[in-house]
Protein backbone atom coordinates (compact mmCIF):
# COMPACT_ATOMS: atom_id res chain seq x y z
CA MET A 1 -0.76 39.55 -3.65
CA PRO A 2 -0.95 35.67 -2.95
CA TYR A 3 1.44 34.08 -0.59
CA TYR A 4 3.25 31.09 -2.01
CA PRO A 5 4.83 29.26 1.17
CA TYR A 6 6.23 26.35 -0.87
CA PHE A 7 8.82 28.48 -2.47
CA ASP A 8 10.59 29.59 0.47
CA TYR A 9 14.15 29.56 1.97
CA THR A 10 12.62 27.55 5.16
CA PHE A 11 12.84 24.30 3.06
CA ILE A 12 16.49 24.24 3.92
CA VAL A 13 15.77 23.11 7.43
CA LEU A 14 14.10 19.99 6.14
CA ILE A 15 17.49 18.86 4.25
CA PRO A 16 19.31 17.30 7.42
CA ALA A 17 16.08 15.44 8.14
CA LEU A 18 15.72 14.21 4.67
CA ILE A 19 19.27 12.94 4.49
CA PHE A 20 18.82 11.17 7.76
CA ALA A 21 15.45 9.52 6.50
CA LEU A 22 17.34 8.31 3.38
CA TYR A 23 20.25 7.04 5.46
CA ALA A 24 17.77 5.27 8.01
CA GLN A 25 15.92 3.50 4.76
CA PHE A 26 19.15 2.60 3.35
CA LYS A 27 20.38 1.12 6.50
CA VAL A 28 17.42 -1.06 7.16
CA ASN A 29 17.31 -2.30 3.57
CA THR A 30 21.11 -3.26 3.48
CA THR A 31 21.01 -4.68 6.96
CA TYR A 32 18.05 -6.84 6.21
CA ALA A 33 19.47 -7.91 2.92
CA LYS A 34 22.79 -8.92 4.58
CA TYR A 35 21.38 -10.87 7.24
CA SER A 36 18.45 -12.32 5.15
CA LYS A 37 21.22 -14.51 3.62
CA VAL A 38 22.29 -16.05 6.99
CA ARG A 39 20.23 -19.06 7.77
CA SER A 40 19.57 -19.84 11.43
CA SER A 41 20.86 -22.94 12.77
CA ARG A 42 17.78 -24.33 13.97
CA GLY A 43 15.99 -23.94 10.58
CA LEU A 44 12.83 -22.49 11.75
CA THR A 45 10.77 -20.18 9.40
CA GLY A 46 9.34 -16.70 10.41
CA ALA A 47 5.85 -18.29 10.37
CA GLU A 48 6.98 -21.14 12.75
CA VAL A 49 8.71 -18.86 15.00
CA ALA A 50 5.79 -16.54 15.32
CA ARG A 51 3.39 -19.46 16.05
CA ARG A 52 5.70 -20.74 18.61
CA ILE A 53 6.09 -17.44 20.42
CA LEU A 54 2.35 -16.64 20.17
CA ASP A 55 1.45 -20.03 21.70
CA ALA A 56 4.08 -19.73 24.49
CA ASN A 57 2.39 -16.65 25.68
CA GLY A 58 -1.14 -18.08 25.36
CA LEU A 59 -2.15 -16.17 22.32
CA PHE A 60 -3.57 -19.19 20.50
CA ASP A 61 -6.20 -17.22 18.71
CA ILE A 62 -4.05 -14.99 17.03
CA LYS A 63 -3.55 -16.07 13.33
CA VAL A 64 -0.30 -15.88 11.37
CA ILE A 65 -0.96 -15.30 7.53
CA HIS A 66 1.13 -14.67 4.65
CA ILE A 67 0.91 -11.19 2.88
CA SER A 68 2.66 -9.85 -0.26
CA GLY A 69 5.55 -7.40 -0.18
CA ASN A 70 8.92 -6.89 1.39
CA LEU A 71 8.98 -5.87 5.14
CA THR A 72 5.27 -5.19 5.15
CA ASP A 73 5.06 -7.32 8.30
CA ASN A 74 2.39 -6.03 10.94
CA TYR A 75 0.11 -7.12 13.79
CA ASN A 76 -3.43 -5.85 13.90
CA PRO A 77 -4.88 -6.12 17.13
CA SER A 78 -8.41 -5.32 15.87
CA THR A 79 -8.54 -8.35 13.84
CA GLY A 80 -6.10 -10.62 15.77
CA VAL A 81 -4.07 -11.14 12.81
CA LEU A 82 -0.25 -11.16 12.62
CA SER A 83 0.88 -10.76 9.08
CA LEU A 84 4.29 -11.64 7.82
CA SER A 85 5.57 -10.69 4.27
CA ASP A 86 7.22 -12.61 1.48
CA SER A 87 10.59 -11.76 2.85
CA THR A 88 9.54 -13.09 6.34
CA TYR A 89 6.84 -15.79 6.33
CA ALA A 90 8.82 -18.90 4.79
CA SER A 91 12.31 -17.68 5.48
CA ASP A 92 14.67 -19.34 7.97
CA SER A 93 16.93 -16.46 8.05
CA VAL A 94 18.02 -14.65 11.24
CA ALA A 95 16.72 -11.41 9.74
CA ALA A 96 13.27 -12.89 9.13
CA ILE A 97 13.12 -14.56 12.60
CA GLY A 98 14.03 -11.15 14.12
CA VAL A 99 11.21 -9.36 12.23
CA ALA A 100 8.66 -12.10 13.09
CA ALA A 101 9.58 -12.17 16.82
CA HIS A 102 9.35 -8.27 16.73
CA GLU A 103 5.68 -8.33 15.59
CA CYS A 104 4.96 -11.14 18.18
CA GLY A 105 6.30 -8.48 20.71
CA HIS A 106 3.38 -6.14 19.61
CA ALA A 107 0.98 -8.81 20.14
CA VAL A 108 2.17 -9.57 23.54
CA GLN A 109 2.19 -5.96 24.38
CA HIS A 110 -1.47 -5.73 23.51
CA ALA A 111 -2.22 -8.94 25.59
CA VAL A 112 -0.51 -7.67 28.87
CA GLY A 113 -1.80 -4.12 28.28
CA TYR A 114 1.36 -2.32 27.76
CA ALA A 115 0.70 1.34 28.53
CA PRO A 116 2.37 3.15 25.61
CA ILE A 117 0.69 0.82 23.00
CA LYS A 118 -2.66 1.58 24.58
CA LEU A 119 -1.97 5.23 24.28
CA ARG A 120 -0.64 4.99 20.88
CA MET A 121 -4.00 3.35 19.90
CA LEU A 122 -5.85 6.18 21.41
CA LEU A 123 -3.90 8.74 19.54
CA VAL A 124 -4.29 7.20 15.97
CA PRO A 125 -7.65 8.91 15.17
CA ILE A 126 -6.66 12.07 16.76
CA THR A 127 -3.23 12.13 14.91
CA ASN A 128 -4.99 11.27 11.56
CA PHE A 129 -7.20 14.36 12.00
CA GLY A 130 -4.36 16.70 13.32
CA SER A 131 -1.85 15.76 10.44
CA SER A 132 -4.31 16.48 7.75
CA ALA A 133 -6.49 19.33 9.17
CA GLY A 134 -3.22 21.05 10.61
CA VAL A 135 -1.77 21.56 7.24
CA ILE A 136 -4.93 22.93 5.65
CA VAL A 137 -5.43 25.16 8.63
CA LEU A 138 -1.70 26.36 8.37
CA MET A 139 -2.08 27.27 4.66
CA VAL A 140 -5.31 29.21 5.19
CA GLY A 141 -3.67 31.09 7.98
CA LEU A 142 -0.62 31.79 5.80
CA ILE A 143 -2.80 32.88 2.80
CA PHE A 144 -5.09 35.18 4.74
CA GLY A 145 -2.29 36.53 7.01
CA SER A 146 -3.77 35.09 10.28
CA TYR A 147 -0.91 34.37 12.68
CA LYS A 148 -3.34 32.77 15.22
CA LEU A 149 -4.91 30.45 12.62
CA ALA A 150 -1.46 29.44 11.29
CA LEU A 151 -0.38 28.77 14.76
CA LEU A 152 -3.51 26.53 15.35
CA GLY A 153 -2.59 24.54 12.29
CA ILE A 154 0.89 24.08 13.64
CA ILE A 155 -0.57 22.82 17.00
CA LEU A 156 -2.84 20.42 15.30
CA TYR A 157 -0.03 18.99 13.17
CA SER A 158 2.30 18.66 16.18
CA LEU A 159 -0.05 15.87 17.40
CA MET A 160 1.99 13.79 14.81
CA ALA A 161 5.25 14.40 16.54
CA ILE A 162 3.48 13.39 19.94
CA PHE A 163 2.39 10.16 18.18
CA GLN A 164 5.78 9.33 16.91
CA VAL A 165 7.39 10.01 20.36
CA VAL A 166 4.99 7.44 21.86
CA THR A 167 5.71 5.08 19.07
CA LEU A 168 9.51 4.94 19.91
CA PRO A 169 9.08 3.05 23.27
CA VAL A 170 6.47 0.77 21.63
CA GLU A 171 8.99 -0.16 18.85
CA PHE A 172 12.05 -0.40 21.19
CA ASN A 173 10.01 -2.53 23.61
CA ALA A 174 8.84 -5.00 20.97
CA SER A 175 12.38 -5.48 19.87
CA SER A 176 13.64 -6.03 23.39
CA ARG A 177 10.81 -8.52 23.95
CA ALA A 178 11.83 -10.26 20.69
CA LEU A 179 15.40 -10.45 21.33
CA GLN A 180 14.91 -11.73 25.06
CA THR A 181 12.43 -14.40 23.73
CA LEU A 182 14.82 -15.49 20.87
CA TYR A 183 17.66 -16.04 23.44
CA GLU A 184 15.64 -17.50 26.35
CA ASP A 185 13.61 -19.95 24.31
CA HIS A 186 16.76 -20.87 22.20
CA ILE A 187 15.07 -20.17 18.90
CA LEU A 188 18.38 -18.45 17.88
CA GLU A 189 21.80 -19.58 18.89
CA ASP A 190 23.93 -17.14 21.08
CA ASP A 191 26.06 -16.03 18.04
CA GLU A 192 23.07 -15.31 16.01
CA ILE A 193 21.25 -13.09 18.46
CA PRO A 194 23.63 -10.11 17.49
CA TYR A 195 22.61 -10.35 14.02
CA ALA A 196 18.82 -10.23 14.75
CA LYS A 197 19.53 -7.29 16.91
CA LYS A 198 21.20 -5.43 14.08
CA VAL A 199 18.18 -5.91 11.87
CA LEU A 200 15.77 -4.69 14.50
CA SER A 201 18.17 -1.70 15.43
CA ALA A 202 18.22 -0.59 11.82
CA ALA A 203 14.32 -0.80 11.62
CA ALA A 204 14.09 1.15 14.77
CA LEU A 205 16.13 3.91 13.27
CA THR A 206 13.33 4.53 10.59
CA TYR A 207 10.93 5.46 13.53
CA VAL A 208 13.60 7.91 14.90
CA ALA A 209 14.09 9.31 11.44
CA ALA A 210 10.22 9.85 10.96
CA LEU A 211 10.13 11.90 14.36
CA VAL A 212 13.05 14.10 13.28
CA SER A 213 11.51 14.66 9.94
CA THR A 214 8.24 15.76 11.70
CA VAL A 215 9.95 17.99 14.05
CA ALA A 216 12.03 19.62 11.18
CA THR A 217 8.63 20.23 9.44
CA LEU A 218 7.15 21.90 12.45
CA PHE A 219 10.08 24.11 12.90
CA ARG A 220 9.79 25.06 9.26
CA TYR A 221 6.08 25.79 9.82
CA LEU A 222 7.02 28.04 12.67
CA LEU A 223 9.50 29.84 10.63
CA LEU A 224 6.70 30.52 7.88
CA ALA A 225 4.30 31.60 10.43
CA ASN A 226 6.68 34.00 12.07
CA SER A 227 7.86 35.30 8.62
CA ARG A 228 4.32 35.93 7.66
CA ARG A 229 3.56 37.69 10.94
CA LYS A 230 6.19 40.21 10.28
CA ARG A 231 4.71 41.10 6.77
């Protein structure tokens, strides 16, 4: 008789993680929306702030470009391009400036050889393989009643959790660098720094939520494997 793991009580363990993930996404959206309406006293745009921070760190070769979307900002070390979204590039809000400075933080991390970001880059191809192959191996193990094969799938999928654990200090450090720069270089006024901090803290919460979701999924997979083992 075929085994259908998707119709299983173990889905219950995912509910708290799902609620937390929804809360984290709600938090970042509402926080950004709130502080995107607060214009910075100096009137610098996200793009201008990014260029200023990059140049101050000697990163003259990194390009700052405009991309479409909302909060799709990113830094690509392989191309040396820092991309700022519609909501960041031309905005002079404290939210936009905080996000732009955060992405510059990643550029600086690469420039100074920040260890966690180097480790994260090494883990990317391994994680991509593990997260996709792990689920397939797990399902095959469950279907054919092979606990060892199912366990191998879980181990492969756990690479995703390791990647997300490494991601946390990378993101926290980028935000810390951003806030320090915004304060020391007087890009934002003292009373504006807490607003930018709230935006970056809300964004960081999404990475925590992603890790919690992955851990919950791993726990569910273990429950499935152990349940199948007893059959």
